[in-house]
Amino acid sequence: MPKARASKSAKANKPNKDVNQWIMLAPDDALSSTPESESPPLFAKIPHPRTGKGVQLLFSSDEKSVCEVAKFKDEPRSWFIDDTVHEDGSMVIATPIDSVFLCLPYLEKCSSQFRTLDQILIDSKFPSVGKLTNCITHESLTSVCDCKGDDDLHVYRINEDKTMAWLKTKVECVADYLATSDINVSKGSQSATFVRSRKHSDVTREDHLRYSSGMICDYLSLSWEEKLKKALNLPEKDKEKEVSDEEPPSKRVKLEEGSETVEDYSKEYEKLKSKIPAGKTPGKMTAGQRALSKVDKTGMKSISSFFGGGKKTSKK
């Protein structure tokens, strides 16, 4: 018996593993090509300024801007692309990054003498580092470096004071954005849409600076991170204040001094029973309540008495 042919709808719903495609979010100028550009946008590996490990970056077609590329993947997830199902449900996100951060490790290596940018950005393991020469401007380099030369030739050497002032400006700019955007910077960040209680009115400028400095330090070496924290001189956050206001208290609070808790449910039932007018029968009792009411409780202590402080006897 001949096999039945698959319908077009069945083929459309079948995952397509042969086509190398993905979903990507990126700025328009990062992917668009201009008539002046000689090459399309390019992916290249460059060492991360924090870890030194190679990471994917996206250079624009004119090589004037660079984006950091991150991949978000959550299983199970798929994409519908036209009439096909793309099995890989991940999403690639490209965000612009200041190329000065990428150049800092190389500027620090050549801090002993003035050099041209072409001489600074050399790496045999990551030859694509040289593409940063087109992304970084002379004005950007002078914010972290001392410069010599004329209009035709510039040589640079990193200046620690300038670099620290530039980093502090970055931290303050990010802190301003966090404050104006109403982004929660408390411990365990969360969207304001899902916050159950009132807005955090006790968030200070120091909280925003502390959070933004952490974001900036993600792109700095450990030595620069220590220098930046020392320059910011932010006080240590009180651990007691880190407890989220949305969480209920961990211990039950007594309503008033001397009040008892209600673990002894037999007492509560006796109080309720005494309030019932004569001639009327109380409501139905459960088997546990009936058994408890028959127990002789003479001389028995309430369970709450074991947790009380007890009366202190004065010494004569």
Protein backbone atom coordinates (compact mmCIF):
# COMPACT_ATOMS: atom_id res chain seq x y z
CA MET A 1 0.00 0.00 0.00
CA PRO A 2 1.58 3.36 -0.99
CA LYS A 3 2.40 5.81 1.80
CA ALA A 4 0.19 8.84 2.07
CA ARG A 5 1.86 12.15 1.29
CA ALA A 6 2.15 14.68 4.08
CA SER A 7 -0.13 17.64 3.70
CA LYS A 8 1.19 21.17 3.34
CA SER A 9 -0.10 22.09 6.76
CA ALA A 10 1.82 19.23 8.35
CA LYS A 11 5.01 20.36 6.62
CA ALA A 12 4.42 23.90 7.81
CA ASN A 13 4.21 22.76 11.42
CA LYS A 14 7.32 20.62 11.25
CA PRO A 15 10.38 22.16 12.98
CA ASN A 16 12.98 23.40 10.51
CA LYS A 17 16.43 22.35 11.70
CA ASP A 18 18.29 22.93 8.44
CA VAL A 19 17.96 26.71 8.24
CA ASN A 20 20.45 28.67 10.36
CA GLN A 21 18.34 31.56 11.60
CA TRP A 22 17.51 33.22 14.90
CA ILE A 23 15.50 36.03 16.43
CA MET A 24 17.50 39.16 17.19
CA LEU A 25 16.79 42.53 18.79
CA ALA A 26 19.25 45.26 17.81
CA PRO A 27 19.38 48.99 17.07
CA ASP A 28 18.56 49.93 13.49
CA ASP A 29 21.99 51.45 12.80
CA ALA A 30 23.70 48.25 13.96
CA LEU A 31 22.18 46.13 11.19
CA SER A 32 21.51 48.60 8.40
CA SER A 33 23.99 49.19 5.60
CA THR A 34 24.85 52.58 4.14
CA PRO A 35 26.02 53.35 0.60
CA GLU A 36 29.40 54.39 2.01
CA SER A 37 29.92 51.10 3.85
CA GLU A 38 32.15 48.57 2.16
CA SER A 39 31.10 45.56 4.24
CA PRO A 40 27.97 44.31 6.00
CA PRO A 41 27.63 44.24 9.80
CA LEU A 42 30.17 41.88 11.29
CA PHE A 43 30.25 39.61 14.34
CA ALA A 44 33.67 39.36 15.97
CA LYS A 45 35.18 38.07 19.21
CA ILE A 46 36.92 40.51 21.53
CA PRO A 47 38.08 39.89 25.13
CA HIS A 48 35.70 41.06 27.80
CA PRO A 49 37.29 43.86 29.89
CA ARG A 50 36.23 42.12 33.11
CA THR A 51 37.12 38.48 32.49
CA GLY A 52 39.47 38.60 29.51
CA LYS A 53 37.47 35.84 27.80
CA GLY A 54 36.33 36.26 24.22
CA VAL A 55 32.76 37.55 23.78
CA GLN A 56 30.71 38.19 20.67
CA LEU A 57 30.39 41.79 19.54
CA LEU A 58 28.49 43.25 16.61
CA PHE A 59 30.24 45.91 14.55
CA SER A 60 28.10 48.13 12.36
CA SER A 61 28.71 48.20 8.61
CA ASP A 62 30.63 51.49 8.86
CA GLU A 63 32.48 50.20 11.97
CA LYS A 64 31.60 53.39 13.82
CA SER A 65 29.64 51.65 16.57
CA VAL A 66 29.83 48.34 18.42
CA CYS A 67 27.21 46.35 20.33
CA GLU A 68 27.50 43.71 23.00
CA VAL A 69 25.69 40.50 22.04
CA ALA A 70 23.88 38.43 24.64
CA LYS A 71 21.74 35.33 24.15
CA PHE A 72 18.62 34.69 26.18
CA LYS A 73 17.39 31.11 26.21
CA ASP A 74 14.49 29.66 28.14
CA GLU A 75 13.31 26.09 27.64
CA PRO A 76 10.95 24.94 26.31
CA ARG A 77 10.36 27.66 23.72
CA SER A 78 10.00 27.90 19.94
CA TRP A 79 9.36 30.58 17.32
CA PHE A 80 6.85 30.71 14.47
CA ILE A 81 8.69 32.11 11.44
CA ASP A 82 6.45 32.51 8.38
CA ASP A 83 5.01 29.02 7.82
CA THR A 84 7.62 27.13 9.81
CA VAL A 85 8.34 26.37 13.45
CA HIS A 86 11.85 27.31 14.53
CA GLU A 87 12.85 24.91 17.28
CA ASP A 88 15.50 27.18 18.82
CA GLY A 89 13.43 29.57 20.92
CA SER A 90 16.36 31.67 22.09
CA MET A 91 16.65 35.42 21.51
CA VAL A 92 19.82 37.33 20.64
CA ILE A 93 19.97 40.87 22.04
CA ALA A 94 22.50 43.45 20.85
CA THR A 95 23.00 46.54 23.03
CA PRO A 96 25.41 49.43 22.33
CA ILE A 97 28.53 49.55 24.48
CA ASP A 98 31.04 52.34 25.00
CA SER A 99 34.19 51.22 23.23
CA VAL A 100 36.37 52.93 25.86
CA PHE A 101 35.55 50.07 28.26
CA LEU A 102 36.84 47.60 25.69
CA CYS A 103 40.05 49.59 25.23
CA LEU A 104 40.86 50.09 28.93
CA PRO A 105 42.78 46.77 29.39
CA TYR A 106 44.99 47.57 26.37
CA LEU A 107 45.54 51.16 27.48
CA GLU A 108 46.60 49.89 30.89
CA LYS A 109 49.13 47.48 29.34
CA CYS A 110 50.76 50.37 27.48
CA SER A 111 50.68 52.84 30.37
CA SER A 112 54.47 53.25 30.46
CA GLN A 113 54.76 55.31 27.28
CA PHE A 114 52.82 57.24 24.64
CA ARG A 115 51.67 55.20 21.66
CA THR A 116 49.33 55.50 18.74
CA LEU A 117 45.97 53.78 18.96
CA ASP A 118 47.03 51.29 16.27
CA GLN A 119 50.00 50.29 18.42
CA ILE A 120 47.86 49.95 21.54
CA LEU A 121 45.06 47.81 20.09
CA ILE A 122 47.12 44.79 19.09
CA ASP A 123 46.23 41.27 20.18
CA SER A 124 47.45 38.16 18.38
CA LYS A 125 44.78 36.02 20.04
CA PHE A 126 41.96 38.42 19.15
CA PRO A 127 42.96 40.20 15.94
CA SER A 128 39.51 41.82 15.65
CA VAL A 129 40.51 44.20 18.45
CA GLY A 130 41.98 46.42 15.77
CA LYS A 131 38.45 47.24 14.58
CA LEU A 132 37.96 49.32 17.72
CA THR A 133 40.19 52.03 16.23
CA ASN A 134 37.26 53.12 14.06
CA CYS A 135 34.70 52.93 16.89
CA ILE A 136 36.51 55.13 19.40
CA THR A 137 36.94 58.85 18.80
CA HIS A 138 39.75 61.19 19.74
CA GLU A 139 37.45 63.04 22.16
CA SER A 140 36.58 59.78 23.93
CA LEU A 141 40.24 58.87 24.37
CA THR A 142 41.19 62.27 25.78
CA SER A 143 38.65 61.71 28.58
CA VAL A 144 40.82 58.87 29.95
CA CYS A 145 44.24 59.56 28.40
CA ASP A 146 46.92 62.19 28.07
CA CYS A 147 47.44 63.08 24.42
CA LYS A 148 50.34 64.45 22.41
CA GLY A 149 50.76 65.25 18.74
CA ASP A 150 49.06 67.30 16.06
CA ASP A 151 46.07 66.89 13.77
CA ASP A 152 47.85 64.26 11.68
CA LEU A 153 49.23 62.07 14.46
CA HIS A 154 48.06 61.49 18.03
CA VAL A 155 49.72 59.40 20.71
CA TYR A 156 48.01 58.41 23.95
CA ARG A 157 48.85 57.27 27.47
CA ILE A 158 46.26 56.39 30.09
CA ASN A 159 45.82 58.85 32.95
CA GLU A 160 44.47 57.34 36.17
CA ASP A 161 42.96 60.58 37.48
CA LYS A 162 41.14 61.24 34.20
CA THR A 163 39.95 57.64 34.02
CA MET A 164 38.60 57.76 37.57
CA ALA A 165 36.76 61.03 36.89
CA TRP A 166 35.29 59.49 33.73
CA LEU A 167 34.15 56.38 35.60
CA LYS A 168 32.54 58.45 38.36
CA THR A 169 30.66 60.42 35.72
CA LYS A 170 29.43 57.17 34.21
CA VAL A 171 28.22 55.96 37.61
CA GLU A 172 26.37 59.22 38.26
CA CYS A 173 24.71 59.16 34.82
CA VAL A 174 23.46 55.61 35.35
CA ALA A 175 22.25 56.50 38.85
CA ASP A 176 20.31 59.48 37.45
CA TYR A 177 18.68 57.24 34.86
CA LEU A 178 17.72 54.67 37.51
CA ALA A 179 16.16 57.37 39.68
CA THR A 180 14.17 59.04 36.89
CA SER A 181 13.03 55.70 35.44
CA ASP A 182 11.59 54.54 38.79
CA ILE A 183 13.62 51.31 38.66
CA ASN A 184 13.67 49.31 41.88
CA VAL A 185 17.25 49.14 43.16
CA SER A 186 16.50 47.29 46.38
CA LYS A 187 17.82 43.80 47.12
CA GLY A 188 16.29 41.36 44.62
CA SER A 189 15.25 43.73 41.84
CA GLN A 190 11.69 43.44 40.68
CA SER A 191 9.42 45.17 38.24
CA ALA A 192 7.31 47.97 39.65
CA THR A 193 4.31 46.30 38.00
CA PHE A 194 4.44 43.38 40.44
CA VAL A 195 5.31 45.24 43.63
CA ARG A 196 2.46 44.66 46.05
CA SER A 197 3.19 47.35 48.58
CA ARG A 198 3.79 51.06 48.30
CA LYS A 199 6.77 52.42 46.39
CA HIS A 200 10.11 52.47 48.14
CA SER A 201 10.20 55.97 49.53
CA ASP A 202 13.33 55.27 51.59
CA VAL A 203 15.60 54.70 48.58
CA THR A 204 18.41 57.24 48.75
CA ARG A 205 20.90 58.66 46.30
CA GLU A 206 23.51 56.37 47.80
CA ASP A 207 21.36 53.33 46.92
CA HIS A 208 21.23 54.40 43.27
CA LEU A 209 24.97 55.11 43.21
CA ARG A 210 25.73 51.73 44.80
CA TYR A 211 23.57 49.91 42.25
CA SER A 212 24.92 51.82 39.24
CA SER A 213 28.53 51.31 40.38
CA GLY A 214 27.86 47.57 40.39
CA MET A 215 26.68 47.77 36.79
CA ILE A 216 29.77 49.76 35.73
CA CYS A 217 32.11 47.40 37.60
CA ASP A 218 30.82 44.51 35.50
CA TYR A 219 32.99 45.98 32.70
CA LEU A 220 36.06 46.76 34.80
CA SER A 221 38.97 44.71 36.04
CA LEU A 222 39.23 43.96 39.75
CA SER A 223 41.91 46.60 40.24
CA TRP A 224 39.79 49.33 38.66
CA GLU A 225 36.77 48.15 40.63
CA GLU A 226 38.63 48.61 43.93
CA LYS A 227 39.84 52.07 42.88
CA LEU A 228 36.35 53.13 41.86
CA LYS A 229 34.75 51.96 45.11
CA LYS A 230 37.41 53.81 47.05
CA ALA A 231 36.84 56.99 45.02
CA LEU A 232 33.06 56.83 45.46
CA ASN A 233 33.47 56.23 49.21
CA LEU A 234 29.95 54.89 49.60
CA PRO A 235 29.01 53.71 53.11
CA GLU A 236 28.28 50.05 53.63
CA LYS A 237 24.61 49.20 53.35
CA ASP A 238 22.94 48.24 56.62
CA LYS A 239 22.05 44.56 56.44
CA GLU A 240 18.92 45.08 58.51
CA LYS A 241 17.57 47.49 55.88
CA GLU A 242 18.10 44.95 53.13
CA VAL A 243 15.03 43.01 54.31
CA SER A 244 12.32 43.69 51.76
CA ASP A 245 9.34 45.75 52.91
CA GLU A 246 7.04 43.45 50.97
CA GLU A 247 7.82 40.44 53.16
CA PRO A 248 5.72 39.90 56.31
CA PRO A 249 7.47 39.77 59.72
CA SER A 250 9.08 36.41 60.41
CA LYS A 251 7.77 36.28 64.01
CA ARG A 252 4.28 36.84 65.35
CA VAL A 253 3.98 40.14 67.24
CA LYS A 254 1.91 40.24 70.42
CA LEU A 255 -0.95 42.70 70.27
CA GLU A 256 -0.47 43.94 73.80
CA GLU A 257 1.61 43.13 76.84
CA GLY A 258 0.37 40.13 78.76
CA SER A 259 -1.95 38.91 76.01
CA GLU A 260 -1.99 35.20 75.33
CA THR A 261 -1.80 33.45 72.02
CA VAL A 262 -4.66 31.28 70.93
CA GLU A 263 -2.95 27.92 70.56
CA ASP A 264 -5.19 26.48 73.31
CA TYR A 265 -8.31 26.14 71.20
CA SER A 266 -10.28 24.52 74.04
CA LYS A 267 -10.30 27.86 75.88
CA GLU A 268 -11.63 29.59 72.82
CA TYR A 269 -14.39 27.05 72.56
CA GLU A 270 -15.30 27.45 76.24
CA LYS A 271 -15.53 31.24 75.75
CA LEU A 272 -17.71 30.77 72.70
CA LYS A 273 -19.90 28.25 74.53
CA SER A 274 -20.43 30.58 77.48
CA LYS A 275 -21.76 33.29 75.17
CA ILE A 276 -24.54 31.05 73.83
CA PRO A 277 -27.92 31.96 75.35
CA ALA A 278 -29.63 29.39 77.60
CA GLY A 279 -31.88 26.97 75.80
CA LYS A 280 -29.83 26.97 72.65
CA THR A 281 -27.36 24.29 71.72
CA PRO A 282 -23.97 25.14 70.29
CA GLY A 283 -23.08 24.30 66.75
CA LYS A 284 -21.87 20.90 65.73
CA MET A 285 -18.47 19.94 67.09
CA THR A 286 -15.86 18.00 65.28
CA ALA A 287 -14.58 14.69 66.60
CA GLY A 288 -11.42 16.39 67.84
CA GLN A 289 -13.37 19.09 69.67
CA ARG A 290 -15.63 16.52 71.36
CA ALA A 291 -12.64 14.49 72.53
CA LEU A 292 -10.91 17.64 73.78
CA SER A 293 -13.97 18.80 75.74
CA LYS A 294 -14.08 15.49 77.68
CA VAL A 295 -10.48 15.79 78.86
CA ASP A 296 -9.97 16.85 82.46
CA LYS A 297 -7.83 19.97 82.15
CA THR A 298 -7.35 20.55 85.88
CA GLY A 299 -3.76 21.56 86.59
CA MET A 300 -2.86 21.63 82.89
CA LYS A 301 -0.92 24.61 81.57
CA SER A 302 -1.51 26.38 78.30
CA ILE A 303 1.15 25.78 75.69
CA SER A 304 1.76 29.54 75.56
CA SER A 305 2.98 29.44 79.18
CA PHE A 306 6.09 27.51 78.10
CA PHE A 307 7.19 30.43 75.90
CA GLY A 308 6.61 33.25 78.38
CA GLY A 309 9.38 34.93 80.28
CA GLY A 310 7.84 34.11 83.65
CA LYS A 311 7.67 36.35 86.68
CA LYS A 312 10.99 37.32 88.22
CA THR A 313 11.25 36.95 91.97
CA SER A 314 13.04 39.74 93.76
CA LYS A 315 15.87 38.80 96.06
CA LYS A 316 15.75 40.09 99.59
